[in-house]
């Protein structure tokens, strides 16, 4: 049976913490990208509606 040093446990905890925060960052980036894409899609849709729709509909 091997004895595990305190440093080994700490370093493995540190690795887990780094990986967890990395995954969290990736998730946040993906969420932001999805939100931005949605906003972009909506604004593009509005822009297309405004440009394609003949002007006599507005008056």
PDB file of N, CA and C in Angstrom:
ATOM      1  N   UNK A   1       0.844  -1.191   0.000  1.00  0.00           N
ATOM      2  CA  UNK A   1       0.000   0.000   0.000  1.00  0.00           C
ATOM      3  C   UNK A   1       0.888   1.254   0.000  1.00  0.00           C
ATOM      4  N   UNK A   2       0.624   2.145  -0.925  1.00  0.00           N
ATOM      5  CA  UNK A   2       1.452   3.345  -1.014  1.00  0.00           C
ATOM      6  C   UNK A   2       0.837   4.468  -0.196  1.00  0.00           C
ATOM      7  N   UNK A   3       1.687   5.277   0.387  1.00  0.00           N
ATOM      8  CA  UNK A   3       1.190   6.421   1.149  1.00  0.00           C
ATOM      9  C   UNK A   3       1.079   7.614   0.209  1.00  0.00           C
ATOM     10  N   UNK A   4      -0.038   8.283   0.277  1.00  0.00           N
ATOM     11  CA  UNK A   4      -0.262   9.457  -0.562  1.00  0.00           C
ATOM     12  C   UNK A   4       0.099  10.694   0.237  1.00  0.00           C
ATOM     13  N   UNK A   5       1.014  11.491  -0.312  1.00  0.00           N
ATOM     14  CA  UNK A   5       1.423  12.710   0.376  1.00  0.00           C
ATOM     15  C   UNK A   5       0.371  13.787   0.296  1.00  0.00           C
ATOM     16  N   UNK A   6       0.456  14.737   1.216  1.00  0.00           N
ATOM     17  CA  UNK A   6      -0.510  15.837   1.230  1.00  0.00           C
ATOM     18  C   UNK A   6      -0.418  16.658  -0.060  1.00  0.00           C
ATOM     19  N   UNK A   7       0.804  16.807  -0.592  1.00  0.00           N
ATOM     20  CA  UNK A   7       0.999  17.577  -1.812  1.00  0.00           C
ATOM     21  C   UNK A   7       0.299  16.939  -3.015  1.00  0.00           C
ATOM     22  N   UNK A   8       0.328  15.595  -3.065  1.00  0.00           N
ATOM     23  CA  UNK A   8      -0.335  14.891  -4.162  1.00  0.00           C
ATOM     24  C   UNK A   8      -1.830  15.172  -4.152  1.00  0.00           C
ATOM     25  N   UNK A   9      -2.413  15.082  -2.952  1.00  0.00           N
ATOM     26  CA  UNK A   9      -3.856  15.335  -2.819  1.00  0.00           C
ATOM     27  C   UNK A   9      -4.170  16.769  -3.222  1.00  0.00           C
ATOM     28  N   UNK A  10      -3.349  17.710  -2.737  1.00  0.00           N
ATOM     29  CA  UNK A  10      -3.564  19.122  -3.069  1.00  0.00           C
ATOM     30  C   UNK A  10      -3.453  19.359  -4.560  1.00  0.00           C
ATOM     31  N   UNK A  11      -2.443  18.757  -5.191  1.00  0.00           N
ATOM     32  CA  UNK A  11      -2.251  18.996  -6.622  1.00  0.00           C
ATOM     33  C   UNK A  11      -3.399  18.381  -7.421  1.00  0.00           C
ATOM     34  N   UNK A  12      -3.912  17.231  -7.003  1.00  0.00           N
ATOM     35  CA  UNK A  12      -5.040  16.643  -7.727  1.00  0.00           C
ATOM     36  C   UNK A  12      -6.301  17.482  -7.534  1.00  0.00           C
ATOM     37  N   UNK A  13      -6.496  18.031  -6.317  1.00  0.00           N
ATOM     38  CA  UNK A  13      -7.618  18.951  -6.090  1.00  0.00           C
ATOM     39  C   UNK A  13      -7.501  20.168  -6.989  1.00  0.00           C
ATOM     40  N   UNK A  14      -6.258  20.676  -7.099  1.00  0.00           N
ATOM     41  CA  UNK A  14      -6.004  21.852  -7.922  1.00  0.00           C
ATOM     42  C   UNK A  14      -6.349  21.562  -9.381  1.00  0.00           C
ATOM     43  N   UNK A  15      -5.941  20.374  -9.860  1.00  0.00           N
ATOM     44  CA  UNK A  15      -6.250  19.983 -11.246  1.00  0.00           C
ATOM     45  C   UNK A  15      -7.755  19.958 -11.472  1.00  0.00           C
ATOM     46  N   UNK A  16      -8.467  19.359 -10.519  1.00  0.00           N
ATOM     47  CA  UNK A  16      -9.931  19.291 -10.633  1.00  0.00           C
ATOM     48  C   UNK A  16     -10.531  20.688 -10.678  1.00  0.00           C
ATOM     49  N   UNK A  17     -10.021  21.581  -9.814  1.00  0.00           N
ATOM     50  CA  UNK A  17     -10.531  22.954  -9.768  1.00  0.00           C
ATOM     51  C   UNK A  17     -10.266  23.670 -11.082  1.00  0.00           C
ATOM     52  N   UNK A  18      -9.068  23.471 -11.646  1.00  0.00           N
ATOM     53  CA  UNK A  18      -8.718  24.127 -12.919  1.00  0.00           C
ATOM     54  C   UNK A  18      -9.623  23.615 -14.035  1.00  0.00           C
ATOM     55  N   UNK A  19      -9.796  22.296 -14.095  1.00  0.00           N
ATOM     56  CA  UNK A  19     -10.644  21.707 -15.143  1.00  0.00           C
ATOM     57  C   UNK A  19     -12.081  22.197 -15.003  1.00  0.00           C
ATOM     58  N   UNK A  20     -12.578  22.236 -13.754  1.00  0.00           N
ATOM     59  CA  UNK A  20     -13.950  22.698 -13.513  1.00  0.00           C
ATOM     60  C   UNK A  20     -14.138  24.133 -13.973  1.00  0.00           C
ATOM     61  N   UNK A  21     -13.198  25.009 -13.605  1.00  0.00           N
ATOM     62  CA  UNK A  21     -13.336  26.413 -13.995  1.00  0.00           C
ATOM     63  C   UNK A  21     -13.193  26.564 -15.504  1.00  0.00           C
ATOM     64  N   UNK A  22     -12.351  25.739 -16.125  1.00  0.00           N
ATOM     65  CA  UNK A  22     -12.187  25.766 -17.579  1.00  0.00           C
ATOM     66  C   UNK A  22     -13.505  25.402 -18.258  1.00  0.00           C
ATOM     67  N   UNK A  23     -14.126  24.313 -17.785  1.00  0.00           N
ATOM     68  CA  UNK A  23     -15.416  23.894 -18.345  1.00  0.00           C
ATOM     69  C   UNK A  23     -16.475  24.968 -18.159  1.00  0.00           C
ATOM     70  N   UNK A  24     -16.451  25.601 -16.996  1.00  0.00           N
ATOM     71  CA  UNK A  24     -17.399  26.681 -16.695  1.00  0.00           C
ATOM     72  C   UNK A  24     -17.209  27.834 -17.677  1.00  0.00           C
ATOM     73  N   UNK A  25     -15.945  28.198 -17.926  1.00  0.00           N
ATOM     74  CA  UNK A  25     -15.653  29.278 -18.878  1.00  0.00           C
ATOM     75  C   UNK A  25     -16.141  28.932 -20.273  1.00  0.00           C
ATOM     76  N   UNK A  26     -15.882  27.696 -20.697  1.00  0.00           N
ATOM     77  CA  UNK A  26     -16.335  27.254 -22.019  1.00  0.00           C
ATOM     78  C   UNK A  26     -17.851  27.368 -22.107  1.00  0.00           C
ATOM     79  N   UNK A  27     -18.541  26.910 -21.053  1.00  0.00           N
ATOM     80  CA  UNK A  27     -20.005  26.949 -21.027  1.00  0.00           C
ATOM     81  C   UNK A  27     -20.500  28.390 -21.127  1.00  0.00           C
ATOM     82  N   UNK A  28     -19.858  29.297 -20.384  1.00  0.00           N
ATOM     83  CA  UNK A  28     -20.246  30.713 -20.430  1.00  0.00           C
ATOM     84  C   UNK A  28     -20.044  31.291 -21.821  1.00  0.00           C
ATOM     85  N   UNK A  29     -18.909  30.946 -22.441  1.00  0.00           N
ATOM     86  CA  UNK A  29     -18.623  31.443 -23.788  1.00  0.00           C
ATOM     87  C   UNK A  29     -19.692  30.943 -24.762  1.00  0.00           C
ATOM     88  N   UNK A  30     -20.060  29.660 -24.647  1.00  0.00           N
ATOM     89  CA  UNK A  30     -21.075  29.101 -25.536  1.00  0.00           C
ATOM     90  C   UNK A  30     -22.416  29.787 -25.326  1.00  0.00           C
ATOM     91  N   UNK A  31     -22.776  30.024 -24.066  1.00  0.00           N
ATOM     92  CA  UNK A  31     -24.025  30.718 -23.757  1.00  0.00           C
ATOM     93  C   UNK A  31     -24.039  32.106 -24.373  1.00  0.00           C
ATOM     94  N   UNK A  32     -22.930  32.828 -24.201  1.00  0.00           N
ATOM     95  CA  UNK A  32     -22.830  34.173 -24.772  1.00  0.00           C
ATOM     96  C   UNK A  32     -22.923  34.141 -26.289  1.00  0.00           C
ATOM     97  N   UNK A  33     -22.264  33.163 -26.907  1.00  0.00           N
ATOM     98  CA  UNK A  33     -22.297  33.062 -28.362  1.00  0.00           C
ATOM     99  C   UNK A  33     -23.709  32.780 -28.849  1.00  0.00           C
ATOM    100  N   UNK A  34     -24.405  31.879 -28.135  1.00  0.00           N
ATOM    101  CA  UNK A  34     -25.783  31.568 -28.517  1.00  0.00           C
ATOM    102  C   UNK A  34     -26.666  32.801 -28.400  1.00  0.00           C
ATOM    103  N   UNK A  35     -26.501  33.553 -27.301  1.00  0.00           N
ATOM    104  CA  UNK A  35     -27.295  34.752 -27.082  1.00  0.00           C
ATOM    105  C   UNK A  35     -27.004  35.790 -28.162  1.00  0.00           C
ATOM    106  N   UNK A  36     -25.707  35.973 -28.460  1.00  0.00           N
ATOM    107  CA  UNK A  36     -25.324  36.939 -29.490  1.00  0.00           C
ATOM    108  C   UNK A  36     -25.887  36.533 -30.847  1.00  0.00           C
ATOM    109  N   UNK A  37     -25.830  35.246 -31.147  1.00  0.00           N
ATOM    110  CA  UNK A  37     -26.350  34.753 -32.420  1.00  0.00           C
ATOM    111  C   UNK A  37     -27.850  35.008 -32.511  1.00  0.00           C
ATOM    112  N   UNK A  38     -28.547  34.807 -31.387  1.00  0.00           N
ATOM    113  CA  UNK A  38     -29.991  35.042 -31.356  1.00  0.00           C
ATOM    114  C   UNK A  38     -30.299  36.515 -31.593  1.00  0.00           C
ATOM    115  N   UNK A  39     -29.566  37.382 -30.904  1.00  0.00           N
ATOM    116  CA  UNK A  39     -29.751  38.829 -31.072  1.00  0.00           C
ATOM    117  C   UNK A  39     -29.468  39.215 -32.521  1.00  0.00           C
ATOM    118  N   UNK A  40     -28.372  38.681 -33.056  1.00  0.00           N
ATOM    119  CA  UNK A  40     -27.995  38.989 -34.438  1.00  0.00           C
ATOM    120  C   UNK A  40     -29.079  38.535 -35.402  1.00  0.00           C
ATOM    121  N   UNK A  41     -29.591  37.311 -35.157  1.00  0.00           N
ATOM    122  CA  UNK A  41     -30.622  36.761 -36.047  1.00  0.00           C
ATOM    123  C   UNK A  41     -31.879  37.629 -36.010  1.00  0.00           C
ATOM    124  N   UNK A  42     -32.273  38.031 -34.793  1.00  0.00           N
ATOM    125  CA  UNK A  42     -33.471  38.871 -34.647  1.00  0.00           C
ATOM    126  C   UNK A  42     -33.288  40.207 -35.350  1.00  0.00           C
ATOM    127  N   UNK A  43     -32.125  40.833 -35.142  1.00  0.00           N
ATOM    128  CA  UNK A  43     -31.906  42.147 -35.744  1.00  0.00           C
ATOM    129  C   UNK A  43     -31.802  42.043 -37.259  1.00  0.00           C
ATOM    130  N   UNK A  44     -31.189  40.943 -37.729  1.00  0.00           N
ATOM    131  CA  UNK A  44     -31.095  40.732 -39.174  1.00  0.00           C
ATOM    132  C   UNK A  44     -32.488  40.546 -39.764  1.00  0.00           C
ATOM    133  N   UNK A  45     -33.317  39.785 -39.070  1.00  0.00           N
ATOM    134  CA  UNK A  45     -34.680  39.536 -39.510  1.00  0.00           C
ATOM    135  C   UNK A  45     -35.465  40.840 -39.598  1.00  0.00           C
ATOM    136  N   UNK A  46     -35.339  41.662 -38.552  1.00  0.00           N
ATOM    137  CA  UNK A  46     -36.000  42.973 -38.536  1.00  0.00           C
ATOM    138  C   UNK A  46     -35.502  43.833 -39.686  1.00  0.00           C
ATOM    139  N   UNK A  47     -34.182  43.832 -39.883  1.00  0.00           N
ATOM    140  CA  UNK A  47     -33.575  44.631 -40.954  1.00  0.00           C
ATOM    141  C   UNK A  47     -34.099  44.191 -42.313  1.00  0.00           C
ATOM    142  N   UNK A  48     -34.161  42.878 -42.515  1.00  0.00           N
ATOM    143  CA  UNK A  48     -34.657  42.365 -43.796  1.00  0.00           C
ATOM    144  C   UNK A  48     -36.121  42.734 -43.996  1.00  0.00           C
ATOM    145  N   UNK A  49     -36.909  42.624 -42.937  1.00  0.00           N
ATOM    146  CA  UNK A  49     -38.322  43.007 -43.025  1.00  0.00           C
ATOM    147  C   UNK A  49     -38.446  44.470 -43.435  1.00  0.00           C
ATOM    148  N   UNK A  50     -37.638  45.310 -42.796  1.00  0.00           N
ATOM    149  CA  UNK A  50     -37.718  46.747 -43.073  1.00  0.00           C
ATOM    150  C   UNK A  50     -37.244  47.073 -44.491  1.00  0.00           C
ATOM    151  N   UNK A  51     -36.238  46.348 -44.978  1.00  0.00           N
ATOM    152  CA  UNK A  51     -35.696  46.686 -46.300  1.00  0.00           C
ATOM    153  C   UNK A  51     -36.513  46.066 -47.423  1.00  0.00           C
ATOM    154  N   UNK A  52     -37.026  44.855 -47.191  1.00  0.00           N
ATOM    155  CA  UNK A  52     -37.751  44.177 -48.273  1.00  0.00           C
ATOM    156  C   UNK A  52     -39.182  44.701 -48.407  1.00  0.00           C
ATOM    157  N   UNK A  53     -39.808  44.997 -47.256  1.00  0.00           N
ATOM    158  CA  UNK A  53     -41.195  45.442 -47.280  1.00  0.00           C
ATOM    159  C   UNK A  53     -41.317  46.752 -48.063  1.00  0.00           C
ATOM    160  N   UNK A  54     -42.211  46.810 -49.032  1.00  0.00           N
ATOM    161  CA  UNK A  54     -42.389  48.048 -49.798  1.00  0.00           C
ATOM    162  C   UNK A  54     -42.789  49.207 -48.883  1.00  0.00           C
ATOM    163  N   UNK A  55     -42.361  50.404 -49.253  1.00  0.00           N
ATOM    164  CA  UNK A  55     -42.529  51.548 -48.356  1.00  0.00           C
ATOM    165  C   UNK A  55     -43.991  51.962 -48.194  1.00  0.00           C
ATOM    166  N   UNK A  56     -44.855  51.593 -49.122  1.00  0.00           N
ATOM    167  CA  UNK A  56     -46.256  52.041 -48.994  1.00  0.00           C
ATOM    168  C   UNK A  56     -46.976  51.328 -47.864  1.00  0.00           C
ATOM    169  N   UNK A  57     -46.357  50.278 -47.277  1.00  0.00           N
ATOM    170  CA  UNK A  57     -46.965  49.630 -46.111  1.00  0.00           C
ATOM    171  C   UNK A  57     -46.820  50.498 -44.870  1.00  0.00           C
ATOM    172  N   UNK A  58     -45.826  51.365 -44.844  1.00  0.00           N
ATOM    173  CA  UNK A  58     -45.557  52.146 -43.633  1.00  0.00           C
ATOM    174  C   UNK A  58     -46.516  53.324 -43.486  1.00  0.00           C
ATOM    175  N   UNK A  59     -46.901  53.922 -44.595  1.00  0.00           N
ATOM    176  CA  UNK A  59     -47.710  55.139 -44.504  1.00  0.00           C
ATOM    177  C   UNK A  59     -49.171  54.827 -44.212  1.00  0.00           C
TER     178      UNK A  59
END
